[in-house]
Amino acid sequence: MSDVINVEVAYANSDAQAIVKVQITYGATARQVIEQSGIIQSFPEIDITKMAVGTFGKLITLDTKVNTGDRVEIYRPLIADPKEQRRKRAEAGKVMKKRI
């Protein structure tokens, strides 16, 4: 087994997105990969102590060990609750049907 693995760190905001390739020692954590990637310097709004992280859409902790080929994703807080937005659209649809 190689001592070095290849992973990616991904982040996007409303203006830009970045995927940074990182080579890191086998056994590294998500926190270590994010810190080594330099992505925090490019996006100063990132606060990994308050933001969720995951790999390929599955939430993980910062202490989770990464594997070769993983993409560590940093998630922004949601602006609106998706369930609430769906409920509002459904209600609006009911109102439109009553008018017809």
PDB file of N, CA and C in Angstrom:
ATOM      1  N   MET A   1       0.840  -1.174   0.000  1.00  0.00           N
ATOM      2  CA  MET A   1       0.000   0.000   0.000  1.00  0.00           C
ATOM      3  C   MET A   1       0.886   1.238   0.000  1.00  0.00           C
ATOM      4  N   SER A   2       0.512   2.233  -0.796  1.00  0.00           N
ATOM      5  CA  SER A   2       1.278   3.467  -0.889  1.00  0.00           C
ATOM      6  C   SER A   2       1.064   4.325   0.352  1.00  0.00           C
ATOM      7  N   ASP A   3       2.094   5.073   0.727  1.00  0.00           N
ATOM      8  CA  ASP A   3       1.986   5.979   1.870  1.00  0.00           C
ATOM      9  C   ASP A   3       1.281   7.275   1.509  1.00  0.00           C
ATOM     10  N   VAL A   4       1.110   7.556   0.214  1.00  0.00           N
ATOM     11  CA  VAL A   4       0.491   8.797  -0.243  1.00  0.00           C
ATOM     12  C   VAL A   4      -0.791   8.459  -1.000  1.00  0.00           C
ATOM     13  N   ILE A   5      -1.853   9.215  -0.707  1.00  0.00           N
ATOM     14  CA  ILE A   5      -3.120   9.030  -1.415  1.00  0.00           C
ATOM     15  C   ILE A   5      -3.504  10.339  -2.096  1.00  0.00           C
ATOM     16  N   ASN A   6      -4.336  10.233  -3.113  1.00  0.00           N
ATOM     17  CA  ASN A   6      -4.838  11.393  -3.849  1.00  0.00           C
ATOM     18  C   ASN A   6      -6.304  11.598  -3.518  1.00  0.00           C
ATOM     19  N   VAL A   7      -6.646  12.809  -3.078  1.00  0.00           N
ATOM     20  CA  VAL A   7      -8.026  13.175  -2.779  1.00  0.00           C
ATOM     21  C   VAL A   7      -8.296  14.566  -3.343  1.00  0.00           C
ATOM     22  N   GLU A   8      -9.552  14.968  -3.312  1.00  0.00           N
ATOM     23  CA  GLU A   8      -9.941  16.305  -3.753  1.00  0.00           C
ATOM     24  C   GLU A   8     -10.720  16.985  -2.641  1.00  0.00           C
ATOM     25  N   VAL A   9     -10.660  18.312  -2.633  1.00  0.00           N
ATOM     26  CA  VAL A   9     -11.468  19.119  -1.730  1.00  0.00           C
ATOM     27  C   VAL A   9     -12.323  20.018  -2.622  1.00  0.00           C
ATOM     28  N   ALA A  10     -13.635  20.044  -2.364  1.00  0.00           N
ATOM     29  CA  ALA A  10     -14.558  20.824  -3.184  1.00  0.00           C
ATOM     30  C   ALA A  10     -15.337  21.814  -2.331  1.00  0.00           C
ATOM     31  N   TYR A  11     -15.527  23.021  -2.899  1.00  0.00           N
ATOM     32  CA  TYR A  11     -16.341  24.047  -2.239  1.00  0.00           C
ATOM     33  C   TYR A  11     -16.893  24.964  -3.321  1.00  0.00           C
ATOM     34  N   ALA A  12     -18.087  25.470  -3.087  1.00  0.00           N
ATOM     35  CA  ALA A  12     -18.692  26.434  -4.016  1.00  0.00           C
ATOM     36  C   ALA A  12     -19.480  27.456  -3.220  1.00  0.00           C
ATOM     37  N   ASN A  13     -19.413  28.712  -3.673  1.00  0.00           N
ATOM     38  CA  ASN A  13     -20.313  29.738  -3.146  1.00  0.00           C
ATOM     39  C   ASN A  13     -21.105  30.277  -4.324  1.00  0.00           C
ATOM     40  N   SER A  14     -21.825  31.359  -4.143  1.00  0.00           N
ATOM     41  CA  SER A  14     -22.678  31.852  -5.221  1.00  0.00           C
ATOM     42  C   SER A  14     -21.883  32.427  -6.390  1.00  0.00           C
ATOM     43  N   ASP A  15     -20.607  32.730  -6.172  1.00  0.00           N
ATOM     44  CA  ASP A  15     -19.796  33.356  -7.215  1.00  0.00           C
ATOM     45  C   ASP A  15     -18.779  32.433  -7.873  1.00  0.00           C
ATOM     46  N   ALA A  16     -18.323  31.422  -7.153  1.00  0.00           N
ATOM     47  CA  ALA A  16     -17.233  30.594  -7.681  1.00  0.00           C
ATOM     48  C   ALA A  16     -17.282  29.204  -7.076  1.00  0.00           C
ATOM     49  N   GLN A  17     -16.570  28.301  -7.716  1.00  0.00           N
ATOM     50  CA  GLN A  17     -16.419  26.956  -7.174  1.00  0.00           C
ATOM     51  C   GLN A  17     -14.977  26.517  -7.369  1.00  0.00           C
ATOM     52  N   ALA A  18     -14.556  25.594  -6.527  1.00  0.00           N
ATOM     53  CA  ALA A  18     -13.183  25.100  -6.637  1.00  0.00           C
ATOM     54  C   ALA A  18     -13.137  23.630  -6.268  1.00  0.00           C
ATOM     55  N   ILE A  19     -12.312  22.906  -7.004  1.00  0.00           N
ATOM     56  CA  ILE A  19     -11.967  21.535  -6.665  1.00  0.00           C
ATOM     57  C   ILE A  19     -10.449  21.479  -6.665  1.00  0.00           C
ATOM     58  N   VAL A  20      -9.889  21.204  -5.490  1.00  0.00           N
ATOM     59  CA  VAL A  20      -8.441  21.211  -5.316  1.00  0.00           C
ATOM     60  C   VAL A  20      -7.951  19.780  -5.111  1.00  0.00           C
ATOM     61  N   LYS A  21      -6.988  19.377  -5.918  1.00  0.00           N
ATOM     62  CA  LYS A  21      -6.397  18.044  -5.776  1.00  0.00           C
ATOM     63  C   LYS A  21      -5.313  18.110  -4.706  1.00  0.00           C
ATOM     64  N   VAL A  22      -5.310  17.090  -3.845  1.00  0.00           N
ATOM     65  CA  VAL A  22      -4.369  17.049  -2.738  1.00  0.00           C
ATOM     66  C   VAL A  22      -3.735  15.662  -2.670  1.00  0.00           C
ATOM     67  N   GLN A  23      -2.422  15.640  -2.487  1.00  0.00           N
ATOM     68  CA  GLN A  23      -1.725  14.393  -2.164  1.00  0.00           C
ATOM     69  C   GLN A  23      -1.390  14.472  -0.685  1.00  0.00           C
ATOM     70  N   ILE A  24      -1.778  13.448   0.052  1.00  0.00           N
ATOM     71  CA  ILE A  24      -1.592  13.472   1.499  1.00  0.00           C
ATOM     72  C   ILE A  24      -1.258  12.070   1.986  1.00  0.00           C
ATOM     73  N   THR A  25      -0.705  11.999   3.147  1.00  0.00           N
ATOM     74  CA  THR A  25      -0.303  10.723   3.735  1.00  0.00           C
ATOM     75  C   THR A  25      -1.522   9.860   4.055  1.00  0.00           C
ATOM     76  N   TYR A  26      -1.407   8.579   3.778  1.00  0.00           N
ATOM     77  CA  TYR A  26      -2.460   7.618   4.106  1.00  0.00           C
ATOM     78  C   TYR A  26      -2.789   7.731   5.596  1.00  0.00           C
ATOM     79  N   GLY A  27      -4.076   7.745   5.932  1.00  0.00           N
ATOM     80  CA  GLY A  27      -4.518   7.863   7.318  1.00  0.00           C
ATOM     81  C   GLY A  27      -4.890   9.286   7.701  1.00  0.00           C
ATOM     82  N   ALA A  28      -4.778  10.227   6.757  1.00  0.00           N
ATOM     83  CA  ALA A  28      -5.118  11.624   7.034  1.00  0.00           C
ATOM     84  C   ALA A  28      -6.621  11.780   7.227  1.00  0.00           C
ATOM     85  N   THR A  29      -6.992  12.797   7.978  1.00  0.00           N
ATOM     86  CA  THR A  29      -8.404  13.088   8.241  1.00  0.00           C
ATOM     87  C   THR A  29      -8.923  14.150   7.271  1.00  0.00           C
ATOM     88  N   ALA A  30     -10.234  14.298   7.247  1.00  0.00           N
ATOM     89  CA  ALA A  30     -10.854  15.326   6.408  1.00  0.00           C
ATOM     90  C   ALA A  30     -10.321  16.707   6.787  1.00  0.00           C
ATOM     91  N   ARG A  31     -10.172  16.968   8.071  1.00  0.00           N
ATOM     92  CA  ARG A  31      -9.634  18.261   8.523  1.00  0.00           C
ATOM     93  C   ARG A  31      -8.241  18.505   7.934  1.00  0.00           C
ATOM     94  N   GLN A  32      -7.376  17.504   7.996  1.00  0.00           N
ATOM     95  CA  GLN A  32      -6.017  17.654   7.484  1.00  0.00           C
ATOM     96  C   GLN A  32      -6.006  17.911   5.979  1.00  0.00           C
ATOM     97  N   VAL A  33      -6.875  17.227   5.257  1.00  0.00           N
ATOM     98  CA  VAL A  33      -6.950  17.411   3.805  1.00  0.00           C
ATOM     99  C   VAL A  33      -7.411  18.830   3.482  1.00  0.00           C
ATOM    100  N   ILE A  34      -8.450  19.303   4.175  1.00  0.00           N
ATOM    101  CA  ILE A  34      -8.953  20.655   3.937  1.00  0.00           C
ATOM    102  C   ILE A  34      -7.867  21.682   4.229  1.00  0.00           C
ATOM    103  N   GLU A  35      -7.205  21.527   5.360  1.00  0.00           N
ATOM    104  CA  GLU A  35      -6.161  22.481   5.731  1.00  0.00           C
ATOM    105  C   GLU A  35      -5.002  22.469   4.732  1.00  0.00           C
ATOM    106  N   GLN A  36      -4.590  21.294   4.288  1.00  0.00           N
ATOM    107  CA  GLN A  36      -3.477  21.199   3.340  1.00  0.00           C
ATOM    108  C   GLN A  36      -3.858  21.720   1.959  1.00  0.00           C
ATOM    109  N   SER A  37      -5.135  21.648   1.603  1.00  0.00           N
ATOM    110  CA  SER A  37      -5.563  22.050   0.260  1.00  0.00           C
ATOM    111  C   SER A  37      -5.370  23.539  -0.010  1.00  0.00           C
ATOM    112  N   GLY A  38      -5.388  24.371   1.034  1.00  0.00           N
ATOM    113  CA  GLY A  38      -5.286  25.813   0.845  1.00  0.00           C
ATOM    114  C   GLY A  38      -6.594  26.472   0.448  1.00  0.00           C
ATOM    115  N   ILE A  39      -7.673  25.704   0.420  1.00  0.00           N
ATOM    116  CA  ILE A  39      -8.956  26.247  -0.032  1.00  0.00           C
ATOM    117  C   ILE A  39      -9.484  27.329   0.914  1.00  0.00           C
ATOM    118  N   ILE A  40      -9.116  27.250   2.185  1.00  0.00           N
ATOM    119  CA  ILE A  40      -9.585  28.254   3.147  1.00  0.00           C
ATOM    120  C   ILE A  40      -8.978  29.620   2.826  1.00  0.00           C
ATOM    121  N   GLN A  41      -7.769  29.642   2.299  1.00  0.00           N
ATOM    122  CA  GLN A  41      -7.166  30.917   1.915  1.00  0.00           C
ATOM    123  C   GLN A  41      -7.870  31.517   0.697  1.00  0.00           C
ATOM    124  N   SER A  42      -8.372  30.666  -0.190  1.00  0.00           N
ATOM    125  CA  SER A  42      -9.083  31.143  -1.376  1.00  0.00           C
ATOM    126  C   SER A  42     -10.514  31.574  -1.062  1.00  0.00           C
ATOM    127  N   PHE A  43     -11.106  30.965  -0.045  1.00  0.00           N
ATOM    128  CA  PHE A  43     -12.486  31.264   0.351  1.00  0.00           C
ATOM    129  C   PHE A  43     -12.504  31.541   1.855  1.00  0.00           C
ATOM    130  N   PRO A  44     -12.181  32.766   2.270  1.00  0.00           N
ATOM    131  CA  PRO A  44     -12.058  33.062   3.703  1.00  0.00           C
ATOM    132  C   PRO A  44     -13.355  32.894   4.496  1.00  0.00           C
ATOM    133  N   GLU A  45     -14.485  32.792   3.823  1.00  0.00           N
ATOM    134  CA  GLU A  45     -15.755  32.594   4.538  1.00  0.00           C
ATOM    135  C   GLU A  45     -15.894  31.178   5.096  1.00  0.00           C
ATOM    136  N   ILE A  46     -15.031  30.270   4.672  1.00  0.00           N
ATOM    137  CA  ILE A  46     -15.091  28.889   5.150  1.00  0.00           C
ATOM    138  C   ILE A  46     -14.697  28.838   6.618  1.00  0.00           C
ATOM    139  N   ASP A  47     -15.570  28.256   7.424  1.00  0.00           N
ATOM    140  CA  ASP A  47     -15.275  27.982   8.833  1.00  0.00           C
ATOM    141  C   ASP A  47     -15.613  26.515   9.064  1.00  0.00           C
ATOM    142  N   ILE A  48     -14.612  25.653   8.975  1.00  0.00           N
ATOM    143  CA  ILE A  48     -14.878  24.218   9.044  1.00  0.00           C
ATOM    144  C   ILE A  48     -15.363  23.778  10.420  1.00  0.00           C
ATOM    145  N   THR A  49     -15.238  24.644  11.426  1.00  0.00           N
ATOM    146  CA  THR A  49     -15.770  24.285  12.745  1.00  0.00           C
ATOM    147  C   THR A  49     -17.285  24.454  12.787  1.00  0.00           C
ATOM    148  N   LYS A  50     -17.846  25.210  11.828  1.00  0.00           N
ATOM    149  CA  LYS A  50     -19.287  25.462  11.804  1.00  0.00           C
ATOM    150  C   LYS A  50     -19.988  24.905  10.568  1.00  0.00           C
ATOM    151  N   MET A  51     -19.222  24.553   9.546  1.00  0.00           N
ATOM    152  CA  MET A  51     -19.815  24.079   8.294  1.00  0.00           C
ATOM    153  C   MET A  51     -19.762  22.557   8.235  1.00  0.00           C
ATOM    154  N   ALA A  52     -20.750  21.986   7.575  1.00  0.00           N
ATOM    155  CA  ALA A  52     -20.796  20.533   7.395  1.00  0.00           C
ATOM    156  C   ALA A  52     -19.812  20.127   6.298  1.00  0.00           C
ATOM    157  N   VAL A  53     -19.279  18.925   6.427  1.00  0.00           N
ATOM    158  CA  VAL A  53     -18.419  18.364   5.395  1.00  0.00           C
ATOM    159  C   VAL A  53     -18.906  16.963   5.061  1.00  0.00           C
ATOM    160  N   GLY A  54     -18.548  16.508   3.879  1.00  0.00           N
ATOM    161  CA  GLY A  54     -18.966  15.175   3.462  1.00  0.00           C
ATOM    162  C   GLY A  54     -18.072  14.648   2.367  1.00  0.00           C
ATOM    163  N   THR A  55     -18.316  13.411   1.989  1.00  0.00           N
ATOM    164  CA  THR A  55     -17.671  12.835   0.819  1.00  0.00           C
ATOM    165  C   THR A  55     -18.774  12.323  -0.090  1.00  0.00           C
ATOM    166  N   PHE A  56     -18.786  12.837  -1.295  1.00  0.00           N
ATOM    167  CA  PHE A  56     -19.772  12.445  -2.305  1.00  0.00           C
ATOM    168  C   PHE A  56     -21.199  12.514  -1.767  1.00  0.00           C
ATOM    169  N   GLY A  57     -21.517  13.604  -1.047  1.00  0.00           N
ATOM    170  CA  GLY A  57     -22.874  13.845  -0.573  1.00  0.00           C
ATOM    171  C   GLY A  57     -23.227  13.187   0.750  1.00  0.00           C
ATOM    172  N   LYS A  58     -22.333  12.422   1.338  1.00  0.00           N
ATOM    173  CA  LYS A  58     -22.594  11.767   2.620  1.00  0.00           C
ATOM    174  C   LYS A  58     -21.840  12.520   3.714  1.00  0.00           C
ATOM    175  N   LEU A  59     -22.567  12.971   4.749  1.00  0.00           N
ATOM    176  CA  LEU A  59     -21.943  13.725   5.821  1.00  0.00           C
ATOM    177  C   LEU A  59     -20.912  12.899   6.576  1.00  0.00           C
ATOM    178  N   ILE A  60     -19.807  13.555   6.918  1.00  0.00           N
ATOM    179  CA  ILE A  60     -18.743  12.943   7.707  1.00  0.00           C
ATOM    180  C   ILE A  60     -18.301  13.943   8.766  1.00  0.00           C
ATOM    181  N   THR A  61     -17.491  13.486   9.714  1.00  0.00           N
ATOM    182  CA  THR A  61     -16.901  14.405  10.681  1.00  0.00           C
ATOM    183  C   THR A  61     -15.517  14.803  10.189  1.00  0.00           C
ATOM    184  N   LEU A  62     -14.973  15.857  10.777  1.00  0.00           N
ATOM    185  CA  LEU A  62     -13.634  16.307  10.407  1.00  0.00           C
ATOM    186  C   LEU A  62     -12.560  15.286  10.772  1.00  0.00           C
ATOM    187  N   ASP A  63     -12.878  14.387  11.704  1.00  0.00           N
ATOM    188  CA  ASP A  63     -11.928  13.362  12.128  1.00  0.00           C
ATOM    189  C   ASP A  63     -11.991  12.088  11.299  1.00  0.00           C
ATOM    190  N   THR A  64     -12.894  12.045  10.320  1.00  0.00           N
ATOM    191  CA  THR A  64     -13.013  10.874   9.457  1.00  0.00           C
ATOM    192  C   THR A  64     -11.768  10.740   8.590  1.00  0.00           C
ATOM    193  N   LYS A  65     -11.219   9.544   8.554  1.00  0.00           N
ATOM    194  CA  LYS A  65     -10.054   9.293   7.696  1.00  0.00           C
ATOM    195  C   LYS A  65     -10.523   9.201   6.249  1.00  0.00           C
ATOM    196  N   VAL A  66      -9.753   9.810   5.362  1.00  0.00           N
ATOM    197  CA  VAL A  66     -10.107   9.805   3.945  1.00  0.00           C
ATOM    198  C   VAL A  66      -9.382   8.682   3.230  1.00  0.00           C
ATOM    199  N   ASN A  67      -9.935   8.300   2.102  1.00  0.00           N
ATOM    200  CA  ASN A  67      -9.360   7.238   1.281  1.00  0.00           C
ATOM    201  C   ASN A  67      -8.992   7.799  -0.080  1.00  0.00           C
ATOM    202  N   THR A  68      -8.100   7.123  -0.753  1.00  0.00           N
ATOM    203  CA  THR A  68      -7.711   7.577  -2.074  1.00  0.00           C
ATOM    204  C   THR A  68      -8.933   7.672  -2.981  1.00  0.00           C
ATOM    205  N   GLY A  69      -9.015   8.745  -3.744  1.00  0.00           N
ATOM    206  CA  GLY A  69     -10.145   8.969  -4.633  1.00  0.00           C
ATOM    207  C   GLY A  69     -11.311   9.706  -3.998  1.00  0.00           C
ATOM    208  N   ASP A  70     -11.285   9.930  -2.691  1.00  0.00           N
ATOM    209  CA  ASP A  70     -12.377  10.657  -2.030  1.00  0.00           C
ATOM    210  C   ASP A  70     -12.401  12.118  -2.479  1.00  0.00           C
ATOM    211  N   ARG A  71     -13.587  12.703  -2.463  1.00  0.00           N
ATOM    212  CA  ARG A  71     -13.755  14.143  -2.660  1.00  0.00           C
ATOM    213  C   ARG A  71     -14.381  14.685  -1.380  1.00  0.00           C
ATOM    214  N   VAL A  72     -13.614  15.437  -0.620  1.00  0.00           N
ATOM    215  CA  VAL A  72     -14.109  16.042   0.608  1.00  0.00           C
ATOM    216  C   VAL A  72     -14.831  17.331   0.217  1.00  0.00           C
ATOM    217  N   GLU A  73     -16.123  17.400   0.535  1.00  0.00           N
ATOM    218  CA  GLU A  73     -16.949  18.541   0.151  1.00  0.00           C
ATOM    219  C   GLU A  73     -17.263  19.378   1.382  1.00  0.00           C
ATOM    220  N   ILE A  74     -17.141  20.683   1.235  1.00  0.00           N
ATOM    221  CA  ILE A  74     -17.476  21.620   2.300  1.00  0.00           C
ATOM    222  C   ILE A  74     -18.806  22.247   1.918  1.00  0.00           C
ATOM    223  N   TYR A  75     -19.806  22.106   2.802  1.00  0.00           N
ATOM    224  CA  TYR A  75     -21.166  22.548   2.488  1.00  0.00           C
ATOM    225  C   TYR A  75     -21.477  23.887   3.139  1.00  0.00           C
ATOM    226  N   ARG A  76     -22.012  24.801   2.346  1.00  0.00           N
ATOM    227  CA  ARG A  76     -22.471  26.093   2.869  1.00  0.00           C
ATOM    228  C   ARG A  76     -23.780  25.889   3.606  1.00  0.00           C
ATOM    229  N   PRO A  77     -24.080  26.769   4.574  1.00  0.00           N
ATOM    230  CA  PRO A  77     -25.386  26.693   5.224  1.00  0.00           C
ATOM    231  C   PRO A  77     -26.494  26.984   4.203  1.00  0.00           C
ATOM    232  N   LEU A  78     -27.637  26.356   4.376  1.00  0.00           N
ATOM    233  CA  LEU A  78     -28.755  26.582   3.472  1.00  0.00           C
ATOM    234  C   LEU A  78     -29.366  27.956   3.723  1.00  0.00           C
ATOM    235  N   ILE A  79     -29.734  28.630   2.650  1.00  0.00           N
ATOM    236  CA  ILE A  79     -30.405  29.920   2.766  1.00  0.00           C
ATOM    237  C   ILE A  79     -31.854  29.716   3.186  1.00  0.00           C
ATOM    238  N   ALA A  80     -32.473  28.674   2.655  1.00  0.00           N
ATOM    239  CA  ALA A  80     -33.870  28.375   2.975  1.00  0.00           C
ATOM    240  C   ALA A  80     -34.013  26.871   3.205  1.00  0.00           C
ATOM    241  N   ASP A  81     -34.931  26.506   4.055  1.00  0.00           N
ATOM    242  CA  ASP A  81     -35.198  25.103   4.348  1.00  0.00           C
ATOM    243  C   ASP A  81     -35.916  24.475   3.150  1.00  0.00           C
ATOM    244  N   PRO A  82     -35.327  23.452   2.520  1.00  0.00           N
ATOM    245  CA  PRO A  82     -35.947  22.850   1.336  1.00  0.00           C
ATOM    246  C   PRO A  82     -37.354  22.309   1.598  1.00  0.00           C
ATOM    247  N   LYS A  83     -37.583  21.745   2.774  1.00  0.00           N
ATOM    248  CA  LYS A  83     -38.928  21.219   3.078  1.00  0.00           C
ATOM    249  C   LYS A  83     -39.949  22.351   3.131  1.00  0.00           C
ATOM    250  N   GLU A  84     -39.557  23.458   3.726  1.00  0.00           N
ATOM    251  CA  GLU A  84     -40.461  24.613   3.809  1.00  0.00           C
ATOM    252  C   GLU A  84     -40.739  25.180   2.418  1.00  0.00           C
ATOM    253  N   GLN A  85     -39.734  25.228   1.572  1.00  0.00           N
ATOM    254  CA  GLN A  85     -39.918  25.731   0.211  1.00  0.00           C
ATOM    255  C   GLN A  85     -40.867  24.830  -0.592  1.00  0.00           C
ATOM    256  N   ARG A  86     -40.732  23.508  -0.445  1.00  0.00           N
ATOM    257  CA  ARG A  86     -41.638  22.581  -1.138  1.00  0.00           C
ATOM    258  C   ARG A  86     -43.072  22.754  -0.635  1.00  0.00           C
ATOM    259  N   ARG A  87     -43.226  22.945   0.693  1.00  0.00           N
ATOM    260  CA  ARG A  87     -44.551  23.136   1.261  1.00  0.00           C
ATOM    261  C   ARG A  87     -45.189  24.401   0.693  1.00  0.00           C
ATOM    262  N   LYS A  88     -44.428  25.474   0.576  1.00  0.00           N
ATOM    263  CA  LYS A  88     -44.951  26.735   0.031  1.00  0.00           C
ATOM    264  C   LYS A  88     -45.355  26.570  -1.428  1.00  0.00           C
ATOM    265  N   ARG A  89     -44.533  25.843  -2.210  1.00  0.00           N
ATOM    266  CA  ARG A  89     -44.890  25.623  -3.615  1.00  0.00           C
ATOM    267  C   ARG A  89     -46.151  24.783  -3.722  1.00  0.00           C
ATOM    268  N   ALA A  90     -46.291  23.776  -2.861  1.00  0.00           N
ATOM    269  CA  ALA A  90     -47.492  22.933  -2.887  1.00  0.00           C
ATOM    270  C   ALA A  90     -48.717  23.754  -2.534  1.00  0.00           C
ATOM    271  N   GLU A  91     -48.607  24.610  -1.528  1.00  0.00           N
ATOM    272  CA  GLU A  91     -49.724  25.484  -1.149  1.00  0.00           C
ATOM    273  C   GLU A  91     -50.078  26.436  -2.284  1.00  0.00           C
ATOM    274  N   ALA A  92     -49.084  27.000  -2.929  1.00  0.00           N
ATOM    275  CA  ALA A  92     -49.328  27.913  -4.046  1.00  0.00           C
ATOM    276  C   ALA A  92     -50.028  27.181  -5.192  1.00  0.00           C
ATOM    277  N   GLY A  93     -49.654  25.915  -5.423  1.00  0.00           N
ATOM    278  CA  GLY A  93     -50.301  25.117  -6.452  1.00  0.00           C
ATOM    279  C   GLY A  93     -51.758  24.859  -6.152  1.00  0.00           C
ATOM    280  N   LYS A  94     -52.077  24.646  -4.875  1.00  0.00           N
ATOM    281  CA  LYS A  94     -53.482  24.435  -4.483  1.00  0.00           C
ATOM    282  C   LYS A  94     -54.296  25.690  -4.706  1.00  0.00           C
ATOM    283  N   VAL A  95     -53.738  26.835  -4.422  1.00  0.00           N
ATOM    284  CA  VAL A  95     -54.441  28.100  -4.638  1.00  0.00           C
ATOM    285  C   VAL A  95     -54.707  28.314  -6.114  1.00  0.00           C
ATOM    286  N   MET A  96     -53.723  28.024  -6.961  1.00  0.00           N
ATOM    287  CA  MET A  96     -53.899  28.185  -8.398  1.00  0.00           C
ATOM    288  C   MET A  96     -54.993  27.272  -8.930  1.00  0.00           C
ATOM    289  N   LYS A  97     -55.092  26.041  -8.433  1.00  0.00           N
ATOM    290  CA  LYS A  97     -56.126  25.106  -8.888  1.00  0.00           C
ATOM    291  C   LYS A  97     -57.508  25.591  -8.490  1.00  0.00           C
ATOM    292  N   LYS A  98     -57.633  26.220  -7.320  1.00  0.00           N
ATOM    293  CA  LYS A  98     -58.932  26.728  -6.877  1.00  0.00           C
ATOM    294  C   LYS A  98     -59.396  27.871  -7.753  1.00  0.00           C
ATOM    295  N   ARG A  99     -58.490  28.670  -8.295  1.00  0.00           N
ATOM    296  CA  ARG A  99     -58.848  29.809  -9.136  1.00  0.00           C
ATOM    297  C   ARG A  99     -59.322  29.371 -10.511  1.00  0.00           C
ATOM    298  N   ILE A 100     -58.885  28.220 -10.952  1.00  0.00           N
ATOM    299  CA  ILE A 100     -59.202  27.771 -12.314  1.00  0.00           C
ATOM    300  C   ILE A 100     -60.610  27.253 -12.400  1.00  0.00           C
TER     301      ILE A 100
END
